[in-house]
Amino acid sequence: MSSIETVWEYREEVLYPSLFGKSTAGICVLDGPIFTDVFGQETYDPRWLFLGVCEFKPTPTRNSWLYVTSGASTPWNCKPHEYDPEDYSWLGVEFVMEVPEQAEWPVVVLQRLLAYQVLLCHDRYPGFDPLDYGHRVPIGGPITEGSDLEIVLLAEPTHYPSTAQLDSGKFDFIHVVGITKDEREHAKNSSSEELLKALNQHGAFPVTDPKRKSIIEK
């Protein structure tokens, strides 16, 4: 049976490159302050600091830079003899974001979503469900300085597999795209699915361009 290290290695060195191409070196891991300072937690599990974000260069079939989390599907609480390929591996998700050019801000956005998901799944916010397709999540200000995008919309990907398999179980990819406040209001009045269709028609999905303006007419 595969150890936790083998599962991790397969995800980052085999699965992700097969889907997303060549990565840059290393992983941008979470740190303590993201839990204590950003989310106001007094305590956190040290194992959560092994979770992070990987960066992938453009490929011949994809012009965007791609960022994907790694660790939310690691079987932290499961021994190899307990693995169930039909079940979800730990939190059962990883987040993905595509942007026009290499940048630090997508890493920050995904790190915060990842930390928030960990906290949600560990009952740090009773009454709130874990992040899933269709959710619209404010990020506390512009996605990057000068951007009109202040919320992220979570979508099921269609341009790469939405579900992946590890020895420890499966997990779903959640694609993250930035939206404006009035786009969020449009989704509230219709649905996230309708907004996604509109974003796609305007070339605002699946790649998040922080410089773009709202697609909603005033």
N, C-alpha and C. Protein backbone atom coordinates (compact mmCIF):
# COMPACT_ATOMS: atom_id res chain seq x y z
N MET A 1 0.83 -1.20 0.00
CA MET A 1 0.00 0.00 0.00
C MET A 1 0.87 1.25 0.00
N SER A 2 0.35 2.31 -0.63
CA SER A 2 1.11 3.55 -0.73
C SER A 2 1.12 4.30 0.59
N SER A 3 2.27 4.82 0.96
CA SER A 3 2.37 5.65 2.14
C SER A 3 1.85 7.05 1.81
N ILE A 4 1.68 7.87 2.85
CA ILE A 4 1.22 9.24 2.63
C ILE A 4 2.21 10.01 1.76
N GLU A 5 3.50 9.72 1.94
CA GLU A 5 4.52 10.38 1.12
C GLU A 5 4.41 9.97 -0.34
N THR A 6 4.11 8.71 -0.59
CA THR A 6 3.97 8.22 -1.96
C THR A 6 2.76 8.83 -2.64
N VAL A 7 1.66 8.96 -1.90
CA VAL A 7 0.46 9.60 -2.44
C VAL A 7 0.76 11.04 -2.82
N TRP A 8 1.43 11.75 -1.92
CA TRP A 8 1.79 13.15 -2.15
C TRP A 8 2.70 13.26 -3.38
N GLU A 9 3.71 12.41 -3.45
CA GLU A 9 4.66 12.44 -4.56
C GLU A 9 3.96 12.16 -5.89
N TYR A 10 3.05 11.19 -5.90
CA TYR A 10 2.33 10.89 -7.14
C TYR A 10 1.50 12.08 -7.61
N ARG A 11 0.82 12.74 -6.68
CA ARG A 11 -0.02 13.88 -7.05
C ARG A 11 0.80 15.00 -7.67
N GLU A 12 1.92 15.36 -7.04
CA GLU A 12 2.69 16.51 -7.49
C GLU A 12 3.64 16.19 -8.65
N GLU A 13 4.15 14.96 -8.71
CA GLU A 13 5.18 14.66 -9.71
C GLU A 13 4.68 13.86 -10.90
N VAL A 14 3.49 13.27 -10.78
CA VAL A 14 2.95 12.48 -11.89
C VAL A 14 1.60 13.04 -12.36
N LEU A 15 0.63 13.09 -11.44
CA LEU A 15 -0.72 13.50 -11.81
C LEU A 15 -0.77 14.95 -12.31
N TYR A 16 -0.26 15.88 -11.50
CA TYR A 16 -0.35 17.29 -11.89
C TYR A 16 0.40 17.58 -13.20
N PRO A 17 1.64 17.11 -13.38
CA PRO A 17 2.31 17.36 -14.66
C PRO A 17 1.56 16.75 -15.85
N SER A 18 0.91 15.60 -15.64
CA SER A 18 0.18 14.99 -16.74
C SER A 18 -1.02 15.83 -17.16
N LEU A 19 -1.56 16.59 -16.22
CA LEU A 19 -2.73 17.43 -16.50
C LEU A 19 -2.36 18.86 -16.87
N PHE A 20 -1.31 19.40 -16.21
CA PHE A 20 -1.05 20.83 -16.29
C PHE A 20 0.30 21.21 -16.89
N GLY A 21 1.13 20.23 -17.20
CA GLY A 21 2.42 20.53 -17.80
C GLY A 21 3.55 20.66 -16.80
N LYS A 22 4.52 21.47 -17.14
CA LYS A 22 5.73 21.60 -16.32
C LYS A 22 5.54 22.63 -15.22
N SER A 23 5.91 22.23 -14.01
CA SER A 23 5.80 23.15 -12.88
C SER A 23 7.11 23.89 -12.66
N THR A 24 7.00 25.01 -11.96
CA THR A 24 8.19 25.67 -11.47
C THR A 24 8.60 24.96 -10.19
N ALA A 25 9.76 25.24 -9.68
CA ALA A 25 10.28 24.50 -8.53
C ALA A 25 9.52 24.82 -7.25
N GLY A 26 9.27 23.78 -6.47
CA GLY A 26 8.79 23.98 -5.11
C GLY A 26 7.29 24.19 -4.97
N ILE A 27 6.88 24.34 -3.72
CA ILE A 27 5.49 24.58 -3.36
C ILE A 27 5.44 25.70 -2.34
N CYS A 28 4.51 26.61 -2.49
CA CYS A 28 4.35 27.73 -1.57
C CYS A 28 3.42 27.30 -0.45
N VAL A 29 3.99 26.90 0.68
CA VAL A 29 3.20 26.30 1.75
C VAL A 29 2.51 27.37 2.60
N LEU A 30 1.49 26.94 3.32
CA LEU A 30 0.82 27.81 4.27
C LEU A 30 1.75 28.09 5.46
N ASP A 31 1.47 29.19 6.15
CA ASP A 31 2.24 29.50 7.35
C ASP A 31 1.28 29.75 8.51
N GLY A 32 1.82 29.81 9.71
CA GLY A 32 1.00 30.00 10.89
C GLY A 32 0.14 31.24 10.86
N PRO A 33 0.70 32.41 10.45
CA PRO A 33 -0.09 33.65 10.47
C PRO A 33 -1.35 33.61 9.61
N ILE A 34 -1.39 32.77 8.59
CA ILE A 34 -2.62 32.73 7.79
C ILE A 34 -3.78 32.21 8.64
N PHE A 35 -3.48 31.36 9.62
CA PHE A 35 -4.53 30.87 10.51
C PHE A 35 -4.75 31.82 11.69
N THR A 36 -3.67 32.34 12.27
CA THR A 36 -3.81 33.17 13.47
C THR A 36 -4.18 34.62 13.14
N ASP A 37 -3.54 35.20 12.13
CA ASP A 37 -3.75 36.61 11.82
C ASP A 37 -4.89 36.84 10.84
N VAL A 38 -4.91 36.07 9.77
CA VAL A 38 -5.94 36.26 8.74
C VAL A 38 -7.29 35.73 9.21
N PHE A 39 -7.29 34.53 9.81
CA PHE A 39 -8.55 33.91 10.20
C PHE A 39 -8.81 33.91 11.71
N GLY A 40 -7.90 34.51 12.47
CA GLY A 40 -8.13 34.72 13.89
C GLY A 40 -8.22 33.46 14.73
N GLN A 41 -7.51 32.42 14.33
CA GLN A 41 -7.53 31.16 15.07
C GLN A 41 -6.44 31.15 16.15
N GLU A 42 -6.79 30.69 17.32
CA GLU A 42 -5.80 30.61 18.40
C GLU A 42 -4.90 29.40 18.22
N THR A 43 -5.41 28.34 17.60
CA THR A 43 -4.62 27.13 17.41
C THR A 43 -4.82 26.60 16.00
N TYR A 44 -3.89 25.78 15.58
CA TYR A 44 -4.00 25.11 14.28
C TYR A 44 -3.15 23.84 14.33
N ASP A 45 -3.49 22.89 13.49
CA ASP A 45 -2.76 21.64 13.41
C ASP A 45 -1.46 21.87 12.62
N PRO A 46 -0.30 21.55 13.17
CA PRO A 46 0.97 21.77 12.45
C PRO A 46 1.02 21.09 11.09
N ARG A 47 0.26 20.03 10.91
CA ARG A 47 0.25 19.34 9.63
C ARG A 47 -0.33 20.22 8.52
N TRP A 48 -1.18 21.19 8.91
CA TRP A 48 -1.77 22.06 7.90
C TRP A 48 -0.73 22.93 7.20
N LEU A 49 0.43 23.08 7.84
CA LEU A 49 1.49 23.92 7.26
C LEU A 49 2.24 23.20 6.13
N PHE A 50 1.90 21.95 5.87
CA PHE A 50 2.48 21.23 4.73
C PHE A 50 1.66 21.44 3.46
N LEU A 51 0.47 22.03 3.60
CA LEU A 51 -0.37 22.30 2.44
C LEU A 51 0.12 23.54 1.73
N GLY A 52 -0.08 23.60 0.41
CA GLY A 52 0.40 24.77 -0.30
C GLY A 52 -0.11 24.86 -1.72
N VAL A 53 0.59 25.67 -2.52
CA VAL A 53 0.18 25.96 -3.90
C VAL A 53 1.36 25.73 -4.83
N CYS A 54 1.08 25.02 -5.94
CA CYS A 54 2.08 24.77 -6.98
C CYS A 54 1.79 25.65 -8.20
N GLU A 55 2.84 26.00 -8.91
CA GLU A 55 2.74 26.87 -10.09
C GLU A 55 3.14 26.10 -11.35
N PHE A 56 2.34 26.26 -12.41
CA PHE A 56 2.61 25.57 -13.67
C PHE A 56 2.69 26.56 -14.83
N LYS A 57 3.70 26.37 -15.65
CA LYS A 57 3.94 27.26 -16.78
C LYS A 57 2.92 27.02 -17.89
N PRO A 58 2.77 27.98 -18.80
CA PRO A 58 1.93 27.75 -19.98
C PRO A 58 2.44 26.55 -20.78
N THR A 59 1.54 25.95 -21.54
CA THR A 59 1.87 24.79 -22.36
C THR A 59 1.49 25.08 -23.81
N PRO A 60 1.83 24.21 -24.75
CA PRO A 60 1.42 24.42 -26.14
C PRO A 60 -0.09 24.49 -26.32
N THR A 61 -0.84 23.93 -25.39
CA THR A 61 -2.30 23.95 -25.51
C THR A 61 -2.98 24.88 -24.49
N ARG A 62 -2.18 25.56 -23.64
CA ARG A 62 -2.75 26.47 -22.65
C ARG A 62 -1.84 27.68 -22.51
N ASN A 63 -2.38 28.87 -22.78
CA ASN A 63 -1.58 30.08 -22.72
C ASN A 63 -1.43 30.63 -21.31
N SER A 64 -2.27 30.18 -20.40
CA SER A 64 -2.28 30.75 -19.06
C SER A 64 -1.25 30.11 -18.14
N TRP A 65 -0.91 30.85 -17.08
CA TRP A 65 -0.19 30.28 -15.95
C TRP A 65 -1.24 29.66 -15.04
N LEU A 66 -0.94 28.49 -14.51
CA LEU A 66 -1.92 27.76 -13.71
C LEU A 66 -1.37 27.52 -12.31
N TYR A 67 -2.24 27.73 -11.33
CA TYR A 67 -1.88 27.53 -9.92
C TYR A 67 -2.86 26.53 -9.32
N VAL A 68 -2.34 25.56 -8.59
CA VAL A 68 -3.18 24.51 -8.01
C VAL A 68 -2.71 24.18 -6.60
N THR A 69 -3.66 23.98 -5.71
CA THR A 69 -3.30 23.62 -4.34
C THR A 69 -2.89 22.15 -4.28
N SER A 70 -2.14 21.84 -3.25
CA SER A 70 -1.70 20.46 -3.03
C SER A 70 -1.69 20.19 -1.53
N GLY A 71 -2.45 19.18 -1.13
CA GLY A 71 -2.46 18.81 0.28
C GLY A 71 -3.84 18.55 0.84
N ALA A 72 -4.87 19.17 0.25
CA ALA A 72 -6.23 18.98 0.76
C ALA A 72 -6.76 17.58 0.43
N SER A 73 -6.06 16.86 -0.44
CA SER A 73 -6.43 15.48 -0.75
C SER A 73 -5.44 14.47 -0.16
N THR A 74 -4.53 14.94 0.67
CA THR A 74 -3.58 14.04 1.32
C THR A 74 -4.26 13.29 2.46
N PRO A 75 -4.08 11.97 2.56
CA PRO A 75 -4.78 11.18 3.59
C PRO A 75 -4.18 11.32 4.98
N TRP A 76 -4.26 12.52 5.55
CA TRP A 76 -3.63 12.78 6.84
C TRP A 76 -4.18 11.89 7.95
N ASN A 77 -5.47 11.63 7.93
CA ASN A 77 -6.10 10.91 9.04
C ASN A 77 -6.43 9.46 8.70
N CYS A 78 -5.70 8.91 7.75
CA CYS A 78 -6.04 7.57 7.27
C CYS A 78 -4.76 6.77 7.04
N LYS A 79 -4.69 5.57 7.58
CA LYS A 79 -3.54 4.71 7.37
C LYS A 79 -3.70 3.94 6.06
N PRO A 80 -2.58 3.54 5.44
CA PRO A 80 -2.67 2.87 4.13
C PRO A 80 -3.64 1.71 4.06
N HIS A 81 -3.75 0.91 5.11
CA HIS A 81 -4.66 -0.23 5.06
C HIS A 81 -6.13 0.21 5.12
N GLU A 82 -6.36 1.50 5.42
CA GLU A 82 -7.72 2.03 5.49
C GLU A 82 -8.13 2.76 4.21
N TYR A 83 -7.23 2.86 3.24
CA TYR A 83 -7.54 3.59 2.01
C TYR A 83 -8.75 2.96 1.32
N ASP A 84 -9.63 3.83 0.81
CA ASP A 84 -10.79 3.39 0.03
C ASP A 84 -10.81 4.19 -1.26
N PRO A 85 -10.42 3.61 -2.39
CA PRO A 85 -10.38 4.33 -3.66
C PRO A 85 -11.72 4.93 -4.07
N GLU A 86 -12.82 4.37 -3.54
CA GLU A 86 -14.15 4.88 -3.90
C GLU A 86 -14.56 6.07 -3.05
N ASP A 87 -13.84 6.30 -1.97
CA ASP A 87 -14.17 7.40 -1.07
C ASP A 87 -13.29 8.60 -1.40
N TYR A 88 -13.59 9.74 -0.79
CA TYR A 88 -12.76 10.92 -0.98
C TYR A 88 -11.55 10.89 -0.05
N SER A 89 -10.43 11.35 -0.54
CA SER A 89 -9.19 11.39 0.24
C SER A 89 -9.13 12.68 1.04
N TRP A 90 -9.18 12.57 2.35
CA TRP A 90 -9.21 13.67 3.32
C TRP A 90 -10.28 14.69 2.96
N LEU A 91 -9.93 15.95 2.64
CA LEU A 91 -10.95 16.96 2.33
C LEU A 91 -11.56 16.75 0.96
N GLY A 92 -10.89 16.00 0.11
CA GLY A 92 -11.46 15.61 -1.17
C GLY A 92 -11.53 16.69 -2.23
N VAL A 93 -10.73 17.77 -2.09
CA VAL A 93 -10.72 18.82 -3.10
C VAL A 93 -9.31 19.36 -3.28
N GLU A 94 -9.08 20.00 -4.42
CA GLU A 94 -7.93 20.87 -4.64
C GLU A 94 -8.42 22.03 -5.51
N PHE A 95 -7.90 23.23 -5.25
CA PHE A 95 -8.35 24.43 -5.94
C PHE A 95 -7.38 24.80 -7.07
N VAL A 96 -7.94 25.29 -8.17
CA VAL A 96 -7.14 25.65 -9.35
C VAL A 96 -7.50 27.06 -9.80
N MET A 97 -6.50 27.82 -10.24
CA MET A 97 -6.75 29.15 -10.79
C MET A 97 -5.82 29.38 -11.97
N GLU A 98 -6.34 29.98 -13.04
CA GLU A 98 -5.54 30.32 -14.21
C GLU A 98 -5.51 31.83 -14.39
N VAL A 99 -4.34 32.36 -14.73
CA VAL A 99 -4.16 33.80 -14.90
C VAL A 99 -3.31 34.05 -16.14
N PRO A 100 -3.38 35.28 -16.70
CA PRO A 100 -2.68 35.55 -17.95
C PRO A 100 -1.16 35.53 -17.85
N GLU A 101 -0.63 35.88 -16.69
CA GLU A 101 0.83 35.94 -16.54
C GLU A 101 1.24 35.54 -15.14
N GLN A 102 2.49 35.16 -15.02
CA GLN A 102 3.02 34.71 -13.72
C GLN A 102 2.86 35.82 -12.68
N ALA A 103 2.37 35.46 -11.49
CA ALA A 103 2.13 36.46 -10.46
C ALA A 103 2.11 35.80 -9.08
N GLU A 104 2.22 36.63 -8.05
CA GLU A 104 2.18 36.12 -6.68
C GLU A 104 0.76 36.09 -6.14
N TRP A 105 -0.11 37.00 -6.62
CA TRP A 105 -1.43 37.12 -6.02
C TRP A 105 -2.29 35.85 -6.16
N PRO A 106 -2.21 35.07 -7.26
CA PRO A 106 -3.00 33.84 -7.29
C PRO A 106 -2.59 32.86 -6.18
N VAL A 107 -1.31 32.86 -5.83
CA VAL A 107 -0.85 32.00 -4.73
C VAL A 107 -1.53 32.43 -3.43
N VAL A 108 -1.57 33.74 -3.20
CA VAL A 108 -2.19 34.26 -1.97
C VAL A 108 -3.67 33.90 -1.92
N VAL A 109 -4.37 34.09 -3.04
CA VAL A 109 -5.80 33.77 -3.09
C VAL A 109 -6.04 32.30 -2.79
N LEU A 110 -5.29 31.42 -3.43
CA LEU A 110 -5.49 29.99 -3.23
C LEU A 110 -5.07 29.54 -1.84
N GLN A 111 -4.02 30.14 -1.30
CA GLN A 111 -3.63 29.79 0.06
C GLN A 111 -4.75 30.12 1.05
N ARG A 112 -5.40 31.25 0.84
CA ARG A 112 -6.48 31.64 1.76
C ARG A 112 -7.69 30.74 1.59
N LEU A 113 -8.03 30.40 0.36
CA LEU A 113 -9.13 29.47 0.14
C LEU A 113 -8.83 28.12 0.76
N LEU A 114 -7.60 27.67 0.61
CA LEU A 114 -7.19 26.38 1.16
C LEU A 114 -7.28 26.39 2.68
N ALA A 115 -6.76 27.45 3.31
CA ALA A 115 -6.82 27.55 4.77
C ALA A 115 -8.26 27.63 5.25
N TYR A 116 -9.08 28.39 4.54
CA TYR A 116 -10.49 28.52 4.90
C TYR A 116 -11.20 27.18 4.80
N GLN A 117 -10.91 26.42 3.74
CA GLN A 117 -11.53 25.11 3.58
C GLN A 117 -11.13 24.17 4.71
N VAL A 118 -9.87 24.18 5.10
CA VAL A 118 -9.41 23.35 6.21
C VAL A 118 -10.19 23.69 7.48
N LEU A 119 -10.35 24.97 7.74
CA LEU A 119 -11.05 25.41 8.94
C LEU A 119 -12.54 25.03 8.88
N LEU A 120 -13.14 25.19 7.71
CA LEU A 120 -14.55 24.82 7.55
C LEU A 120 -14.75 23.33 7.81
N CYS A 121 -13.84 22.53 7.28
CA CYS A 121 -13.96 21.07 7.41
C CYS A 121 -13.63 20.57 8.80
N HIS A 122 -13.04 21.43 9.62
CA HIS A 122 -12.72 21.05 10.99
C HIS A 122 -13.58 21.81 12.00
N ASP A 123 -14.76 22.23 11.53
CA ASP A 123 -15.80 22.82 12.39
C ASP A 123 -15.34 24.07 13.13
N ARG A 124 -14.44 24.84 12.53
CA ARG A 124 -14.04 26.10 13.14
C ARG A 124 -15.08 27.20 12.86
N TYR A 125 -15.98 26.95 11.91
CA TYR A 125 -17.05 27.90 11.60
C TYR A 125 -18.37 27.13 11.57
N PRO A 126 -18.90 26.79 12.73
CA PRO A 126 -20.14 26.00 12.80
C PRO A 126 -21.27 26.68 12.01
N GLY A 127 -22.01 25.86 11.28
CA GLY A 127 -23.12 26.39 10.51
C GLY A 127 -22.77 26.73 9.08
N PHE A 128 -21.47 26.73 8.74
CA PHE A 128 -21.02 27.04 7.38
C PHE A 128 -20.54 25.75 6.71
N ASP A 129 -21.01 25.52 5.50
CA ASP A 129 -20.61 24.32 4.76
C ASP A 129 -19.25 24.52 4.10
N PRO A 130 -18.51 23.43 3.86
CA PRO A 130 -17.26 23.53 3.10
C PRO A 130 -17.49 24.12 1.71
N LEU A 131 -16.47 24.72 1.17
CA LEU A 131 -16.55 25.34 -0.15
C LEU A 131 -16.85 24.29 -1.22
N ASP A 132 -17.67 24.68 -2.20
CA ASP A 132 -18.08 23.73 -3.22
C ASP A 132 -18.45 24.51 -4.48
N TYR A 133 -18.76 23.77 -5.54
CA TYR A 133 -19.15 24.38 -6.80
C TYR A 133 -20.33 25.35 -6.60
N GLY A 134 -20.23 26.50 -7.25
CA GLY A 134 -21.30 27.48 -7.19
C GLY A 134 -21.16 28.51 -6.09
N HIS A 135 -20.27 28.27 -5.13
CA HIS A 135 -20.10 29.22 -4.04
C HIS A 135 -19.41 30.49 -4.54
N ARG A 136 -19.78 31.61 -3.94
CA ARG A 136 -19.17 32.90 -4.24
C ARG A 136 -18.53 33.42 -2.95
N VAL A 137 -17.22 33.62 -2.98
CA VAL A 137 -16.47 33.87 -1.75
C VAL A 137 -15.76 35.23 -1.81
N PRO A 138 -16.16 36.20 -0.96
CA PRO A 138 -15.42 37.47 -0.88
C PRO A 138 -14.01 37.21 -0.35
N ILE A 139 -13.05 37.98 -0.85
CA ILE A 139 -11.67 37.78 -0.40
C ILE A 139 -11.14 38.98 0.38
N GLY A 140 -12.04 39.86 0.79
CA GLY A 140 -11.64 40.95 1.67
C GLY A 140 -11.03 42.15 0.99
N GLY A 141 -11.31 42.33 -0.29
CA GLY A 141 -10.75 43.45 -1.04
C GLY A 141 -10.42 43.03 -2.45
N PRO A 142 -9.75 43.91 -3.21
CA PRO A 142 -9.39 43.57 -4.59
C PRO A 142 -8.51 42.33 -4.65
N ILE A 143 -8.69 41.55 -5.70
CA ILE A 143 -7.93 40.31 -5.87
C ILE A 143 -6.43 40.60 -5.97
N THR A 144 -6.13 41.77 -6.50
CA THR A 144 -4.79 42.34 -6.50
C THR A 144 -4.94 43.84 -6.62
N GLU A 145 -3.93 44.60 -6.30
CA GLU A 145 -4.04 46.06 -6.26
C GLU A 145 -4.57 46.62 -7.58
N GLY A 146 -5.60 47.46 -7.49
CA GLY A 146 -6.15 48.12 -8.66
C GLY A 146 -7.19 47.32 -9.42
N SER A 147 -7.48 46.10 -8.97
CA SER A 147 -8.43 45.24 -9.68
C SER A 147 -9.86 45.50 -9.22
N ASP A 148 -10.82 45.34 -10.14
CA ASP A 148 -12.24 45.43 -9.79
C ASP A 148 -12.78 44.10 -9.27
N LEU A 149 -11.99 43.05 -9.32
CA LEU A 149 -12.43 41.73 -8.89
C LEU A 149 -12.20 41.58 -7.39
N GLU A 150 -13.28 41.35 -6.63
CA GLU A 150 -13.18 41.27 -5.18
C GLU A 150 -13.80 40.00 -4.61
N ILE A 151 -14.32 39.15 -5.48
CA ILE A 151 -14.96 37.91 -5.06
C ILE A 151 -14.45 36.81 -5.96
N VAL A 152 -14.43 35.57 -5.49
CA VAL A 152 -14.12 34.45 -6.37
C VAL A 152 -15.34 33.55 -6.47
N LEU A 153 -15.57 33.04 -7.66
CA LEU A 153 -16.64 32.10 -7.95
C LEU A 153 -16.02 30.73 -8.14
N LEU A 154 -16.59 29.72 -7.50
CA LEU A 154 -16.04 28.37 -7.55
C LEU A 154 -16.85 27.54 -8.55
N ALA A 155 -16.14 26.93 -9.51
CA ALA A 155 -16.82 26.26 -10.62
C ALA A 155 -16.26 24.86 -10.83
N GLU A 156 -17.09 24.01 -11.41
CA GLU A 156 -16.63 22.69 -11.85
C GLU A 156 -15.90 22.85 -13.18
N PRO A 157 -14.66 22.41 -13.29
CA PRO A 157 -13.92 22.58 -14.54
C PRO A 157 -14.46 21.67 -15.63
N THR A 158 -14.37 22.16 -16.86
CA THR A 158 -14.76 21.34 -18.02
C THR A 158 -13.61 21.20 -19.01
N HIS A 159 -12.55 21.96 -18.84
CA HIS A 159 -11.42 21.91 -19.78
C HIS A 159 -10.26 21.06 -19.25
N TYR A 160 -10.43 20.46 -18.10
CA TYR A 160 -9.56 19.40 -17.57
C TYR A 160 -10.45 18.55 -16.67
N PRO A 161 -10.02 17.33 -16.32
CA PRO A 161 -10.90 16.45 -15.53
C PRO A 161 -11.32 17.10 -14.21
N SER A 162 -12.57 16.95 -13.86
CA SER A 162 -13.06 17.54 -12.61
C SER A 162 -12.75 16.66 -11.40
N THR A 163 -12.46 15.38 -11.63
CA THR A 163 -12.16 14.46 -10.55
C THR A 163 -10.88 13.70 -10.86
N ALA A 164 -10.06 13.48 -9.85
CA ALA A 164 -8.80 12.74 -10.02
C ALA A 164 -8.74 11.63 -8.97
N GLN A 165 -7.88 10.65 -9.26
CA GLN A 165 -7.80 9.47 -8.40
C GLN A 165 -6.41 9.33 -7.80
N LEU A 166 -6.37 9.08 -6.51
CA LEU A 166 -5.16 8.73 -5.78
C LEU A 166 -5.35 7.34 -5.19
N ASP A 167 -4.27 6.70 -4.75
CA ASP A 167 -4.41 5.41 -4.08
C ASP A 167 -5.25 5.54 -2.81
N SER A 168 -5.21 6.71 -2.20
CA SER A 168 -5.93 6.93 -0.95
C SER A 168 -7.39 7.32 -1.16
N GLY A 169 -7.79 7.52 -2.40
CA GLY A 169 -9.16 7.94 -2.69
C GLY A 169 -9.19 8.99 -3.79
N LYS A 170 -10.36 9.50 -4.08
CA LYS A 170 -10.50 10.48 -5.14
C LYS A 170 -10.58 11.89 -4.57
N PHE A 171 -10.49 12.87 -5.47
CA PHE A 171 -10.73 14.26 -5.08
C PHE A 171 -11.24 15.03 -6.28
N ASP A 172 -11.93 16.14 -6.00
CA ASP A 172 -12.47 17.00 -7.04
C ASP A 172 -11.62 18.25 -7.17
N PHE A 173 -11.41 18.69 -8.40
CA PHE A 173 -10.81 20.00 -8.65
C PHE A 173 -11.92 21.05 -8.61
N ILE A 174 -11.67 22.14 -7.93
CA ILE A 174 -12.58 23.29 -7.93
C ILE A 174 -11.87 24.44 -8.62
N HIS A 175 -12.43 24.90 -9.75
CA HIS A 175 -11.81 25.97 -10.51
C HIS A 175 -12.26 27.32 -9.95
N VAL A 176 -11.32 28.21 -9.74
CA VAL A 176 -11.55 29.50 -9.10
C VAL A 176 -11.43 30.61 -10.13
N VAL A 177 -12.43 31.49 -10.20
CA VAL A 177 -12.38 32.62 -11.13
C VAL A 177 -12.82 33.89 -10.40
N GLY A 178 -12.12 34.98 -10.63
CA GLY A 178 -12.45 36.24 -9.98
C GLY A 178 -13.64 36.93 -10.62
N ILE A 179 -14.50 37.53 -9.79
CA ILE A 179 -15.65 38.28 -10.29
C ILE A 179 -15.78 39.60 -9.54
N THR A 180 -16.60 40.49 -10.09
CA THR A 180 -16.84 41.80 -9.47
C THR A 180 -18.06 41.73 -8.55
N LYS A 181 -18.27 42.80 -7.81
CA LYS A 181 -19.41 42.85 -6.90
C LYS A 181 -20.73 42.81 -7.66
N ASP A 182 -20.82 43.55 -8.79
CA ASP A 182 -22.08 43.53 -9.51
C ASP A 182 -22.30 42.20 -10.24
N GLU A 183 -21.23 41.51 -10.59
CA GLU A 183 -21.39 40.16 -11.13
C GLU A 183 -21.92 39.20 -10.07
N ARG A 184 -21.46 39.39 -8.85
CA ARG A 184 -22.00 38.59 -7.74
C ARG A 184 -23.48 38.86 -7.56
N GLU A 185 -23.89 40.13 -7.64
CA GLU A 185 -25.31 40.45 -7.50
C GLU A 185 -26.12 39.84 -8.63
N HIS A 186 -25.55 39.83 -9.83
CA HIS A 186 -26.22 39.19 -10.96
C HIS A 186 -26.43 37.70 -10.68
N ALA A 187 -25.42 37.06 -10.10
CA ALA A 187 -25.54 35.64 -9.78
C ALA A 187 -26.58 35.40 -8.69
N LYS A 188 -26.66 36.33 -7.73
CA LYS A 188 -27.67 36.20 -6.68
C LYS A 188 -29.07 36.24 -7.27
N ASN A 189 -29.27 37.09 -8.29
CA ASN A 189 -30.58 37.25 -8.90
C ASN A 189 -30.89 36.18 -9.93
N SER A 190 -29.87 35.46 -10.38
CA SER A 190 -30.09 34.39 -11.35
C SER A 190 -29.51 33.10 -10.77
N SER A 191 -28.25 32.84 -11.03
CA SER A 191 -27.55 31.70 -10.44
C SER A 191 -26.08 31.78 -10.80
N SER A 192 -25.27 31.03 -10.07
CA SER A 192 -23.85 30.97 -10.42
C SER A 192 -23.65 30.36 -11.79
N GLU A 193 -24.50 29.40 -12.15
CA GLU A 193 -24.40 28.75 -13.46
C GLU A 193 -24.63 29.76 -14.58
N GLU A 194 -25.63 30.64 -14.42
CA GLU A 194 -25.90 31.65 -15.44
C GLU A 194 -24.75 32.64 -15.54
N LEU A 195 -24.17 33.00 -14.41
CA LEU A 195 -23.03 33.91 -14.45
C LEU A 195 -21.85 33.26 -15.15
N LEU A 196 -21.61 31.99 -14.88
CA LEU A 196 -20.51 31.29 -15.54
C LEU A 196 -20.68 31.27 -17.05
N LYS A 197 -21.91 31.06 -17.51
CA LYS A 197 -22.17 31.08 -18.94
C LYS A 197 -21.83 32.45 -19.53
N ALA A 198 -22.23 33.50 -18.82
CA ALA A 198 -21.96 34.86 -19.29
C ALA A 198 -20.46 35.16 -19.28
N LEU A 199 -19.78 34.74 -18.23
CA LEU A 199 -18.33 34.95 -18.16
C LEU A 199 -17.63 34.24 -19.31
N ASN A 200 -18.05 33.04 -19.59
CA ASN A 200 -17.46 32.27 -20.68
C ASN A 200 -17.70 32.95 -22.02
N GLN A 201 -18.89 33.48 -22.23
CA GLN A 201 -19.22 34.17 -23.48
C GLN A 201 -18.38 35.43 -23.67
N HIS A 202 -18.00 36.06 -22.58
CA HIS A 202 -17.21 37.29 -22.63
C HIS A 202 -15.71 37.03 -22.50
N GLY A 203 -15.29 35.78 -22.52
CA GLY A 203 -13.88 35.46 -22.41
C GLY A 203 -13.30 35.69 -21.04
N ALA A 204 -14.15 35.69 -20.01
CA ALA A 204 -13.70 35.94 -18.64
C ALA A 204 -13.63 34.66 -17.81
N PHE A 205 -13.74 33.53 -18.45
CA PHE A 205 -13.63 32.21 -17.82
C PHE A 205 -13.05 31.25 -18.86
N PRO A 206 -12.10 30.41 -18.50
CA PRO A 206 -11.65 30.04 -17.14
C PRO A 206 -10.50 30.87 -16.60
N VAL A 207 -9.93 31.77 -17.43
CA VAL A 207 -8.77 32.55 -16.99
C VAL A 207 -9.23 33.81 -16.29
N THR A 208 -8.66 34.11 -15.15
CA THR A 208 -8.95 35.34 -14.41
C THR A 208 -7.97 36.43 -14.80
N ASP A 209 -8.46 37.44 -15.49
CA ASP A 209 -7.66 38.62 -15.82
C ASP A 209 -7.97 39.70 -14.80
N PRO A 210 -7.03 40.02 -13.91
CA PRO A 210 -7.32 41.00 -12.85
C PRO A 210 -7.59 42.40 -13.38
N LYS A 211 -7.25 42.65 -14.65
CA LYS A 211 -7.44 43.99 -15.22
C LYS A 211 -8.80 44.18 -15.89
N ARG A 212 -9.55 43.09 -16.02
CA ARG A 212 -10.80 43.21 -16.76
C ARG A 212 -11.86 43.98 -15.98
N LYS A 213 -12.81 44.53 -16.72
CA LYS A 213 -13.94 45.23 -16.11
C LYS A 213 -15.15 44.31 -16.06
N SER A 214 -16.18 44.73 -15.37
CA SER A 214 -17.37 43.92 -15.21
C SER A 214 -18.05 43.66 -16.56
N ILE A 215 -18.63 42.48 -16.69
CA ILE A 215 -19.38 42.16 -17.90
C ILE A 215 -20.84 42.60 -17.77
N ILE A 216 -21.24 43.06 -16.59
CA ILE A 216 -22.62 43.47 -16.36
C ILE A 216 -22.80 44.93 -16.75
N GLU A 217 -23.75 45.18 -17.63
CA GLU A 217 -24.01 46.56 -18.05
C GLU A 217 -24.68 47.33 -16.93
N LYS A 218 -24.22 48.57 -16.76
CA LYS A 218 -24.78 49.41 -15.70
C LYS A 218 -26.18 49.88 -16.09
